[in-house]
């Protein structure tokens, strides 16, 4: 009978624990552990693994304790005892007590241990997930870099054709800039990392093309701190922002306007300012998607340490991008 009561008590305790764990599955100890459905799946997966490991330890200790008790009972009640069973009985009772103590400690401290192990599992899963996401985004960015918008390609070629007879020198110049831009774009599409100097060259070729098309309606400057020329920068990171400024800010104005691109060395960071005195920021579909893509790309490439903000100017708009620099480009770094 004692064994039946013990079994019933153990069953009730296990059912109670399962019920408690079931409630915890719906209300995790720390709701900050996930922010997305993928995080919740990672938590559930980690929790299953930890519960299996915890259950193994608890059942092992319970198994040892129960068997120690059974051995002790058999030693004390057996009619044939060729040796003194008192020391063995004492050893069995001690082992049983130790097993029960360990089992209870596992049960009491298991929750804290479970939370810690879950956090460890989730951290590992998050590292693997972030690595995979980064590779995916980089692949997507390389694909986007390789795609030149058809309207830009056709408009440029149409402009070249229209200039051949009335202004052959201008048509030749435009074609030269167009070839240089295509060459830079192709190189960027194949690279996973570029430099500030390469990005500045691409922007100059792009703006030279737009200047030939817009004429006096576009005035631009590109200023780069010489200490940043060799600093790493993701290929074609700034060109979409410049394109947005022209398309949504300057082109709609009859008189056009001025565009300034400035890259400054600010301690451990690089500050990029792209400013125009055009129509001002309007959250149109194209502009919104472009800036959203920029934020997503920066978040992945720089692990959330890069920032974008938009400031309204009178007139116009400024987009400011802060990007962390490698240690070799920070003040006090060895040359």
Protein backbone atom coordinates (compact mmCIF):
# COMPACT_ATOMS: atom_id res chain seq x y z
CA UNK A 1 0.00 0.00 0.00
CA UNK A 2 2.69 2.56 0.75
CA UNK A 3 4.06 2.01 -2.72
CA UNK A 4 0.62 2.61 -4.24
CA UNK A 5 0.22 5.85 -2.31
CA UNK A 6 3.71 6.92 -3.28
CA UNK A 7 2.96 6.13 -6.91
CA UNK A 8 -0.30 8.06 -6.73
CA UNK A 9 1.45 10.99 -5.12
CA UNK A 10 4.15 10.89 -7.75
CA UNK A 11 1.53 10.73 -10.50
CA UNK A 12 -0.34 13.65 -8.99
CA UNK A 13 2.88 15.60 -8.67
CA UNK A 14 3.78 14.89 -12.29
CA UNK A 15 0.26 15.82 -13.46
CA UNK A 16 0.48 18.99 -11.45
CA UNK A 17 3.87 19.75 -12.95
CA UNK A 18 2.54 19.06 -16.46
CA UNK A 19 -0.40 21.35 -15.78
CA UNK A 20 1.97 24.01 -14.48
CA UNK A 21 4.21 23.59 -17.53
CA UNK A 22 1.15 23.77 -19.79
CA UNK A 23 0.23 27.10 -18.27
CA UNK A 24 3.82 28.26 -18.68
CA UNK A 25 3.68 27.32 -22.37
CA UNK A 26 0.88 29.84 -22.78
CA UNK A 27 2.48 32.42 -20.50
CA UNK A 28 6.28 32.15 -20.75
CA UNK A 29 8.43 33.37 -17.85
CA UNK A 30 9.73 36.22 -19.96
CA UNK A 31 7.54 37.51 -22.76
CA UNK A 32 10.51 39.45 -24.12
CA UNK A 33 12.05 36.18 -25.30
CA UNK A 34 10.18 36.52 -28.58
CA UNK A 35 8.85 39.27 -30.76
CA UNK A 36 7.85 37.24 -33.82
CA UNK A 37 6.25 33.91 -34.62
CA UNK A 38 9.70 32.58 -35.51
CA UNK A 39 10.96 33.55 -32.05
CA UNK A 40 8.01 31.76 -30.45
CA UNK A 41 8.74 28.61 -32.46
CA UNK A 42 12.37 28.80 -31.35
CA UNK A 43 11.23 29.17 -27.72
CA UNK A 44 8.87 26.19 -27.99
CA UNK A 45 11.58 24.07 -29.60
CA UNK A 46 14.11 25.01 -26.93
CA UNK A 47 11.57 24.36 -24.21
CA UNK A 48 10.85 20.86 -25.52
CA UNK A 49 14.54 20.03 -25.55
CA UNK A 50 15.06 21.35 -22.04
CA UNK A 51 11.99 19.58 -20.67
CA UNK A 52 13.21 16.29 -22.15
CA UNK A 53 16.61 16.74 -20.50
CA UNK A 54 15.08 17.82 -17.20
CA UNK A 55 12.64 14.90 -17.28
CA UNK A 56 15.51 12.47 -17.84
CA UNK A 57 17.34 13.73 -14.75
CA UNK A 58 14.24 13.64 -12.58
CA UNK A 59 13.22 10.14 -13.69
CA UNK A 60 16.78 8.89 -13.21
CA UNK A 61 16.91 10.18 -9.63
CA UNK A 62 13.44 8.84 -8.91
CA UNK A 63 14.42 5.46 -10.36
CA UNK A 64 17.49 5.32 -8.11
CA UNK A 65 15.48 6.30 -5.05
CA UNK A 66 12.67 3.77 -5.67
CA UNK A 67 15.09 0.93 -6.34
CA UNK A 68 17.11 1.78 -3.26
CA UNK A 69 13.94 1.62 -1.17
CA UNK A 70 12.93 -1.73 -2.71
CA UNK A 71 16.39 -3.17 -2.08
CA UNK A 72 16.26 -1.99 1.52
CA UNK A 73 12.80 -3.51 2.04
CA UNK A 74 13.92 -6.82 0.55
CA UNK A 75 17.01 -6.89 2.74
CA UNK A 76 15.01 -6.20 5.89
CA UNK A 77 12.17 -8.65 5.13
CA UNK A 78 14.06 -11.50 3.49
CA UNK A 79 14.04 -14.71 5.65
CA UNK A 80 17.48 -15.65 4.31
CA UNK A 81 20.11 -13.22 5.42
CA UNK A 82 23.51 -14.98 5.32
CA UNK A 83 25.18 -11.65 6.11
CA UNK A 84 24.27 -8.74 8.27
CA UNK A 85 21.87 -6.58 6.32
CA UNK A 86 21.97 -3.62 8.68
CA UNK A 87 24.89 -1.83 6.96
CA UNK A 88 23.38 -2.51 3.53
CA UNK A 89 19.99 -1.35 4.74
CA UNK A 90 21.53 1.83 6.06
CA UNK A 91 23.30 2.31 2.76
CA UNK A 92 20.03 1.72 0.88
CA UNK A 93 18.13 4.19 3.04
CA UNK A 94 20.88 6.75 2.58
CA UNK A 95 20.89 6.23 -1.17
CA UNK A 96 17.12 6.53 -1.31
CA UNK A 97 17.18 9.69 0.77
CA UNK A 98 19.89 11.13 -1.44
CA UNK A 99 17.93 10.25 -4.58
CA UNK A 100 14.75 11.82 -3.23
CA UNK A 101 16.69 14.92 -2.16
CA UNK A 102 18.28 15.30 -5.58
CA UNK A 103 14.92 14.66 -7.25
CA UNK A 104 13.25 17.34 -5.15
CA UNK A 105 16.09 19.78 -5.79
CA UNK A 106 15.81 19.16 -9.50
CA UNK A 107 12.10 19.85 -9.23
CA UNK A 108 12.53 23.03 -7.18
CA UNK A 109 15.47 24.46 -9.08
CA UNK A 110 14.44 23.02 -12.41
CA UNK A 111 12.42 26.04 -13.41
CA UNK A 112 15.34 28.43 -13.07
CA UNK A 113 17.63 25.96 -14.80
CA UNK A 114 15.01 25.50 -17.52
CA UNK A 115 14.81 29.24 -18.17
CA UNK A 116 18.59 29.52 -18.37
CA UNK A 117 18.92 26.58 -20.78
CA UNK A 118 16.07 27.92 -22.91
CA UNK A 119 17.85 31.26 -23.13
CA UNK A 120 21.04 29.47 -24.18
CA UNK A 121 19.26 27.42 -26.84
CA UNK A 122 17.45 30.48 -28.15
CA UNK A 123 20.69 32.47 -28.27
CA UNK A 124 22.28 29.75 -30.39
CA UNK A 125 19.22 29.54 -32.65
CA UNK A 126 19.17 33.32 -32.98
CA UNK A 127 22.83 33.41 -34.03
CA UNK A 128 22.16 30.74 -36.67
CA UNK A 129 19.00 32.53 -37.82
CA UNK A 130 20.71 35.91 -38.05
CA UNK A 131 23.57 34.38 -40.01
CA UNK A 132 21.11 32.81 -42.45
CA UNK A 133 19.08 36.03 -42.72
CA UNK A 134 22.22 38.04 -43.36
CA UNK A 135 23.30 35.70 -46.15
CA UNK A 136 19.79 35.87 -47.65
CA UNK A 137 19.65 39.66 -47.52
CA UNK A 138 23.13 39.95 -49.01
CA UNK A 139 22.05 37.67 -51.86
CA UNK A 140 18.92 39.76 -52.38
CA UNK A 141 20.97 42.95 -52.35
CA UNK A 142 23.36 41.56 -54.96
CA UNK A 143 20.34 40.71 -57.10
CA UNK A 144 18.91 44.21 -56.69
CA UNK A 145 22.29 45.78 -57.43
CA UNK A 146 22.44 43.85 -60.70
CA UNK A 147 19.09 45.23 -61.80
CA UNK A 148 19.07 48.63 -63.48
CA UNK A 149 15.61 50.08 -63.68
CA UNK A 150 14.36 49.69 -67.28
CA UNK A 151 13.01 53.23 -67.44
CA UNK A 152 16.42 54.66 -66.51
CA UNK A 153 18.15 52.51 -69.14
CA UNK A 154 15.65 53.37 -71.89
CA UNK A 155 15.53 57.08 -71.02
CA UNK A 156 19.31 57.34 -71.09
CA UNK A 157 19.62 55.60 -74.46
CA UNK A 158 16.76 57.70 -75.84
CA UNK A 159 18.54 60.86 -74.68
CA UNK A 160 21.75 59.74 -76.36
CA UNK A 161 19.93 59.10 -79.64
CA UNK A 162 18.17 62.48 -79.47
CA UNK A 163 21.51 64.27 -78.97
CA UNK A 164 23.48 62.58 -81.77
CA UNK A 165 22.53 65.07 -84.52
CA UNK A 166 22.03 68.38 -82.66
CA UNK A 167 24.81 67.88 -80.08
CA UNK A 168 27.15 65.01 -80.98
CA UNK A 169 29.77 66.06 -78.41
CA UNK A 170 27.14 66.01 -75.68
CA UNK A 171 25.84 62.62 -76.87
CA UNK A 172 29.37 61.19 -76.77
CA UNK A 173 29.91 62.54 -73.26
CA UNK A 174 26.63 61.07 -72.07
CA UNK A 175 27.47 57.71 -73.60
CA UNK A 176 30.88 57.71 -71.91
CA UNK A 177 29.31 58.39 -68.51
CA UNK A 178 26.67 55.75 -69.18
CA UNK A 179 29.32 53.12 -69.96
CA UNK A 180 31.26 54.07 -66.83
CA UNK A 181 28.10 53.83 -64.76
CA UNK A 182 27.22 50.41 -66.19
CA UNK A 183 30.76 49.19 -65.53
CA UNK A 184 30.63 50.41 -61.91
CA UNK A 185 27.18 48.90 -61.41
CA UNK A 186 28.29 45.55 -62.78
CA UNK A 187 31.35 45.51 -60.50
CA UNK A 188 29.18 46.43 -57.51
CA UNK A 189 26.68 43.67 -58.30
CA UNK A 190 29.46 41.07 -58.06
CA UNK A 191 31.00 42.43 -54.85
CA UNK A 192 29.94 41.81 -51.27
CA UNK A 193 31.93 44.80 -50.01
CA UNK A 194 33.03 48.06 -51.58
CA UNK A 195 34.72 51.26 -50.48
CA UNK A 196 33.64 54.85 -50.02
CA UNK A 197 35.77 55.89 -53.01
CA UNK A 198 34.05 53.34 -55.26
CA UNK A 199 30.61 54.49 -54.13
CA UNK A 200 31.55 58.12 -54.75
CA UNK A 201 32.74 57.26 -58.28
CA UNK A 202 29.46 55.49 -59.01
CA UNK A 203 27.48 58.49 -57.73
CA UNK A 204 29.50 60.90 -59.89
CA UNK A 205 28.84 58.83 -63.02
CA UNK A 206 25.15 58.56 -62.17
CA UNK A 207 24.74 62.27 -61.46
CA UNK A 208 26.70 63.20 -64.58
CA UNK A 209 24.13 61.29 -66.62
CA UNK A 210 21.22 62.99 -64.86
CA UNK A 211 22.89 66.39 -65.26
CA UNK A 212 23.14 65.94 -69.04
CA UNK A 213 19.44 65.05 -69.13
CA UNK A 214 18.23 67.78 -66.74
CA UNK A 215 20.71 70.42 -67.82
CA UNK A 216 20.88 73.53 -65.64
CA UNK A 217 17.98 72.26 -63.55
CA UNK A 218 20.40 70.03 -61.59
CA UNK A 219 23.33 71.34 -59.59
CA UNK A 220 25.18 68.92 -57.34
CA UNK A 221 28.26 68.52 -55.16
CA UNK A 222 29.90 65.40 -53.70
CA UNK A 223 32.22 65.93 -50.73
CA UNK A 224 34.17 63.03 -49.25
CA UNK A 225 36.56 63.22 -46.30
CA UNK A 226 39.87 61.88 -47.74
CA UNK A 227 40.38 59.71 -44.64
CA UNK A 228 37.28 57.74 -45.63
CA UNK A 229 38.28 56.82 -49.19
CA UNK A 230 39.34 53.28 -48.26
CA UNK A 231 36.65 52.77 -45.62
CA UNK A 232 34.39 49.78 -46.35
CA UNK A 233 30.88 50.50 -47.57
CA UNK A 234 28.21 48.19 -48.94
CA UNK A 235 27.98 48.52 -52.75
CA UNK A 236 25.28 50.83 -54.13
CA UNK A 237 24.08 51.75 -50.65
CA UNK A 238 23.71 55.47 -51.35
CA UNK A 239 22.66 55.52 -55.01
CA UNK A 240 18.97 54.67 -54.31
CA UNK A 241 18.79 57.56 -51.81
CA UNK A 242 20.26 59.98 -54.35
CA UNK A 243 17.84 58.68 -56.98
CA UNK A 244 14.93 59.26 -54.57
CA UNK A 245 16.06 62.83 -53.92
CA UNK A 246 16.11 63.60 -57.65
CA UNK A 247 12.95 61.74 -58.58
CA UNK A 248 10.74 62.96 -55.72
CA UNK A 249 12.45 66.22 -54.77
CA UNK A 250 14.12 67.95 -57.71
CA UNK A 251 12.52 66.68 -60.93
CA UNK A 252 8.97 67.77 -59.96
CA UNK A 253 10.23 71.38 -59.60
CA UNK A 254 10.17 73.39 -62.81
CA UNK A 255 13.40 75.15 -61.92
CA UNK A 256 15.06 72.01 -60.53
CA UNK A 257 17.40 72.47 -57.61
CA UNK A 258 20.58 71.61 -55.76
CA UNK A 259 21.75 68.24 -54.42
CA UNK A 260 24.54 67.79 -51.90
CA UNK A 261 26.17 64.48 -50.92
CA UNK A 262 28.60 64.70 -48.01
CA UNK A 263 30.53 61.94 -46.21
CA UNK A 264 32.16 63.01 -42.94
CA UNK A 265 34.45 61.27 -40.47
CA UNK A 266 32.84 61.61 -37.02
CA UNK A 267 35.02 59.72 -34.54
CA UNK A 268 34.13 56.02 -34.66
CA UNK A 269 31.35 56.63 -37.19
CA UNK A 270 30.76 57.93 -40.68
CA UNK A 271 28.00 60.46 -41.26
CA UNK A 272 26.46 60.56 -44.73
CA UNK A 273 24.25 63.53 -45.58
CA UNK A 274 22.16 63.56 -48.77
CA UNK A 275 20.34 66.89 -48.96
CA UNK A 276 18.23 68.56 -51.62
CA UNK A 277 16.30 71.82 -51.81
CA UNK A 278 13.44 70.30 -53.74
CA UNK A 279 9.76 69.71 -53.04
CA UNK A 280 10.30 68.37 -49.54
CA UNK A 281 9.64 64.92 -48.15
CA UNK A 282 6.41 63.33 -49.28
CA UNK A 283 5.73 59.76 -48.07
CA UNK A 284 4.95 58.45 -51.55
CA UNK A 285 5.03 54.72 -52.26
CA UNK A 286 8.35 54.81 -54.07
CA UNK A 287 10.15 56.97 -51.53
CA UNK A 288 8.75 55.02 -48.59
CA UNK A 289 9.76 51.64 -50.00
CA UNK A 290 13.24 52.91 -50.87
CA UNK A 291 13.91 54.21 -47.36
CA UNK A 292 12.40 51.10 -45.79
CA UNK A 293 14.71 48.91 -47.88
CA UNK A 294 17.66 51.07 -46.84
CA UNK A 295 16.81 50.65 -43.16
CA UNK A 296 16.42 46.89 -43.55
CA UNK A 297 19.71 46.59 -45.37
CA UNK A 298 21.58 48.67 -42.78
CA UNK A 299 20.05 46.66 -39.94
CA UNK A 300 21.37 43.41 -41.38
CA UNK A 301 24.74 44.63 -42.65
CA UNK A 302 25.67 46.53 -39.48
CA UNK A 303 23.84 44.48 -36.83
CA UNK A 304 21.51 47.32 -35.90
CA UNK A 305 24.37 49.77 -35.23
CA UNK A 306 23.63 51.99 -38.25
CA UNK A 307 20.87 54.59 -38.19
CA UNK A 308 18.83 56.61 -40.68
CA UNK A 309 16.85 59.74 -40.01
CA UNK A 310 14.98 62.17 -42.25
CA UNK A 311 14.97 65.90 -41.58
CA UNK A 312 12.80 68.50 -43.26
CA UNK A 313 14.66 71.55 -44.50
CA UNK A 314 13.41 74.90 -45.75
CA UNK A 315 13.20 74.08 -48.54
CA UNK A 316 13.85 70.42 -49.20
CA UNK A 317 14.80 67.28 -47.34
CA UNK A 318 17.92 65.76 -45.80
CA UNK A 319 18.59 62.07 -45.25
CA UNK A 320 21.28 61.41 -42.64
CA UNK A 321 22.90 57.99 -42.35
CA UNK A 322 25.25 57.05 -39.50
CA UNK A 323 27.44 54.01 -40.12
CA UNK A 324 29.98 52.47 -37.71
CA UNK A 325 33.57 52.37 -38.94
CA UNK A 326 36.06 49.51 -38.46
CA UNK A 327 38.55 50.01 -35.64
CA UNK A 328 41.35 50.78 -38.10
CA UNK A 329 39.50 53.95 -39.16
CA UNK A 330 38.78 55.20 -35.66
CA UNK A 331 40.77 57.95 -33.92
CA UNK A 332 43.94 56.67 -32.27
CA UNK A 333 44.09 53.51 -34.39
CA UNK A 334 47.60 52.52 -35.54
CA UNK A 335 48.38 53.55 -39.09
